[in-house]
Amino acid sequence: MNAIVIIIVLFVALAIAVPLLERYQQQMGLDKMARFRKYIIPLVAISLILQLLYLAFNR
C-alpha cells in the first residue's frame, strides 16, 4: 500500500514539475541550468548511499 502511495505522489509531482520547467526554461537560461546539472549526480549518489545504510541497519 505504501509503494502505491509513493508512486502516485511521484507521478503527481512530475505532472506539476514538467509543465513548470517547460514554462520557465527560457527565463532560466543555459548558464543556470548548467550550474544545477553539476549537483544532480552527487545528490543522487548521496541519496542511494543513505538508502543502502537505512536498509542495512533496519532489517
N, C-alpha and C. Protein backbone atom coordinates (compact mmCIF):
# COMPACT_ATOMS: atom_id res chain seq x y z
N MET A 1 0.83 -1.20 0.00
CA MET A 1 0.00 0.00 0.00
C MET A 1 0.87 1.25 0.00
N ASN A 2 1.95 1.24 0.79
CA ASN A 2 2.83 2.40 0.84
C ASN A 2 3.50 2.66 -0.50
N ALA A 3 3.86 1.61 -1.21
CA ALA A 3 4.51 1.77 -2.51
C ALA A 3 3.57 2.43 -3.51
N ILE A 4 2.29 2.08 -3.46
CA ILE A 4 1.32 2.68 -4.37
C ILE A 4 1.18 4.17 -4.08
N VAL A 5 1.15 4.54 -2.82
CA VAL A 5 1.04 5.96 -2.45
C VAL A 5 2.28 6.71 -2.92
N ILE A 6 3.45 6.14 -2.75
CA ILE A 6 4.68 6.79 -3.18
C ILE A 6 4.69 6.97 -4.69
N ILE A 7 4.27 5.97 -5.44
CA ILE A 7 4.24 6.07 -6.90
C ILE A 7 3.25 7.14 -7.35
N ILE A 8 2.09 7.20 -6.71
CA ILE A 8 1.10 8.22 -7.06
C ILE A 8 1.64 9.61 -6.78
N VAL A 9 2.30 9.79 -5.64
CA VAL A 9 2.86 11.10 -5.30
C VAL A 9 3.95 11.49 -6.30
N LEU A 10 4.77 10.54 -6.73
CA LEU A 10 5.80 10.85 -7.72
C LEU A 10 5.20 11.26 -9.05
N PHE A 11 4.16 10.57 -9.50
CA PHE A 11 3.52 10.94 -10.75
C PHE A 11 2.87 12.31 -10.67
N VAL A 12 2.25 12.63 -9.55
CA VAL A 12 1.64 13.94 -9.38
C VAL A 12 2.72 15.02 -9.38
N ALA A 13 3.83 14.76 -8.69
CA ALA A 13 4.92 15.74 -8.67
C ALA A 13 5.49 15.96 -10.06
N LEU A 14 5.64 14.89 -10.84
CA LEU A 14 6.12 15.03 -12.21
C LEU A 14 5.12 15.79 -13.07
N ALA A 15 3.83 15.51 -12.88
CA ALA A 15 2.81 16.20 -13.66
C ALA A 15 2.81 17.70 -13.37
N ILE A 16 3.21 18.08 -12.17
CA ILE A 16 3.29 19.51 -11.82
C ILE A 16 4.63 20.09 -12.25
N ALA A 17 5.72 19.36 -12.04
CA ALA A 17 7.06 19.90 -12.28
C ALA A 17 7.39 20.06 -13.76
N VAL A 18 6.98 19.13 -14.59
CA VAL A 18 7.35 19.20 -16.01
C VAL A 18 6.76 20.42 -16.70
N PRO A 19 5.47 20.73 -16.55
CA PRO A 19 4.98 21.96 -17.19
C PRO A 19 5.63 23.23 -16.64
N LEU A 20 5.91 23.23 -15.34
CA LEU A 20 6.57 24.42 -14.77
C LEU A 20 7.97 24.58 -15.33
N LEU A 21 8.71 23.49 -15.45
CA LEU A 21 10.05 23.57 -16.02
C LEU A 21 10.02 24.00 -17.48
N GLU A 22 9.05 23.51 -18.22
CA GLU A 22 8.94 23.91 -19.62
C GLU A 22 8.58 25.38 -19.75
N ARG A 23 7.75 25.88 -18.85
CA ARG A 23 7.34 27.27 -18.91
C ARG A 23 8.49 28.22 -18.57
N TYR A 24 9.26 27.89 -17.55
CA TYR A 24 10.30 28.79 -17.08
C TYR A 24 11.68 28.46 -17.64
N GLN A 25 11.77 27.55 -18.58
CA GLN A 25 13.06 27.15 -19.14
C GLN A 25 13.75 28.31 -19.85
N GLN A 26 13.01 29.09 -20.64
CA GLN A 26 13.61 30.20 -21.35
C GLN A 26 14.10 31.28 -20.39
N GLN A 27 13.42 31.47 -19.28
CA GLN A 27 13.81 32.50 -18.33
C GLN A 27 15.08 32.12 -17.57
N MET A 28 15.30 30.84 -17.34
CA MET A 28 16.47 30.42 -16.57
C MET A 28 17.74 30.56 -17.39
N GLY A 29 17.70 30.19 -18.64
CA GLY A 29 18.90 30.25 -19.46
C GLY A 29 19.77 29.01 -19.25
N LEU A 30 20.70 28.81 -20.15
CA LEU A 30 21.55 27.61 -20.10
C LEU A 30 22.60 27.70 -19.01
N ASP A 31 23.02 28.89 -18.64
CA ASP A 31 24.05 29.02 -17.59
C ASP A 31 23.55 28.51 -16.25
N LYS A 32 22.34 28.90 -15.86
CA LYS A 32 21.81 28.44 -14.59
C LYS A 32 21.52 26.94 -14.62
N MET A 33 21.04 26.46 -15.76
CA MET A 33 20.76 25.03 -15.86
C MET A 33 22.04 24.22 -15.76
N ALA A 34 23.14 24.71 -16.31
CA ALA A 34 24.42 24.01 -16.21
C ALA A 34 24.90 23.98 -14.76
N ARG A 35 24.65 25.04 -14.02
CA ARG A 35 25.05 25.06 -12.61
C ARG A 35 24.27 24.02 -11.81
N PHE A 36 22.98 23.89 -12.08
CA PHE A 36 22.17 22.92 -11.36
C PHE A 36 22.53 21.50 -11.75
N ARG A 37 22.92 21.30 -13.01
CA ARG A 37 23.20 19.96 -13.51
C ARG A 37 24.39 19.32 -12.79
N LYS A 38 25.36 20.11 -12.37
CA LYS A 38 26.53 19.52 -11.73
C LYS A 38 26.24 19.03 -10.31
N TYR A 39 25.10 19.41 -9.74
CA TYR A 39 24.73 18.95 -8.40
C TYR A 39 23.88 17.69 -8.42
N ILE A 40 23.34 17.33 -9.57
CA ILE A 40 22.38 16.22 -9.61
C ILE A 40 23.04 14.88 -9.28
N ILE A 41 24.16 14.56 -9.91
CA ILE A 41 24.81 13.26 -9.70
C ILE A 41 25.28 13.09 -8.26
N PRO A 42 25.93 14.09 -7.64
CA PRO A 42 26.29 13.90 -6.23
C PRO A 42 25.08 13.72 -5.31
N LEU A 43 23.99 14.43 -5.58
CA LEU A 43 22.80 14.28 -4.74
C LEU A 43 22.17 12.90 -4.91
N VAL A 44 22.17 12.39 -6.12
CA VAL A 44 21.65 11.03 -6.35
C VAL A 44 22.54 10.01 -5.64
N ALA A 45 23.85 10.19 -5.72
CA ALA A 45 24.77 9.27 -5.06
C ALA A 45 24.57 9.29 -3.55
N ILE A 46 24.42 10.46 -2.97
CA ILE A 46 24.20 10.57 -1.52
C ILE A 46 22.89 9.90 -1.13
N SER A 47 21.84 10.12 -1.92
CA SER A 47 20.56 9.50 -1.58
C SER A 47 20.63 7.98 -1.68
N LEU A 48 21.35 7.45 -2.67
CA LEU A 48 21.50 6.00 -2.77
C LEU A 48 22.27 5.42 -1.59
N ILE A 49 23.33 6.09 -1.18
CA ILE A 49 24.11 5.63 -0.03
C ILE A 49 23.26 5.66 1.23
N LEU A 50 22.48 6.73 1.42
CA LEU A 50 21.62 6.81 2.60
C LEU A 50 20.55 5.71 2.59
N GLN A 51 20.00 5.41 1.42
CA GLN A 51 19.02 4.33 1.34
C GLN A 51 19.65 2.98 1.65
N LEU A 52 20.85 2.74 1.16
CA LEU A 52 21.53 1.48 1.46
C LEU A 52 21.83 1.36 2.95
N LEU A 53 22.27 2.44 3.58
CA LEU A 53 22.52 2.41 5.02
C LEU A 53 21.22 2.18 5.80
N TYR A 54 20.16 2.82 5.36
CA TYR A 54 18.87 2.63 6.03
C TYR A 54 18.42 1.17 5.94
N LEU A 55 18.55 0.58 4.76
CA LEU A 55 18.16 -0.82 4.61
C LEU A 55 19.07 -1.75 5.40
N ALA A 56 20.35 -1.43 5.48
CA ALA A 56 21.30 -2.29 6.18
C ALA A 56 21.04 -2.31 7.69
N PHE A 57 20.66 -1.16 8.26
CA PHE A 57 20.53 -1.08 9.71
C PHE A 57 19.10 -1.29 10.20
N ASN A 58 18.13 -1.34 9.32
CA ASN A 58 16.73 -1.50 9.75
C ASN A 58 16.15 -2.83 9.36
N ARG A 59 16.96 -3.83 9.16
CA ARG A 59 16.44 -5.16 8.85
C ARG A 59 16.43 -6.04 10.03
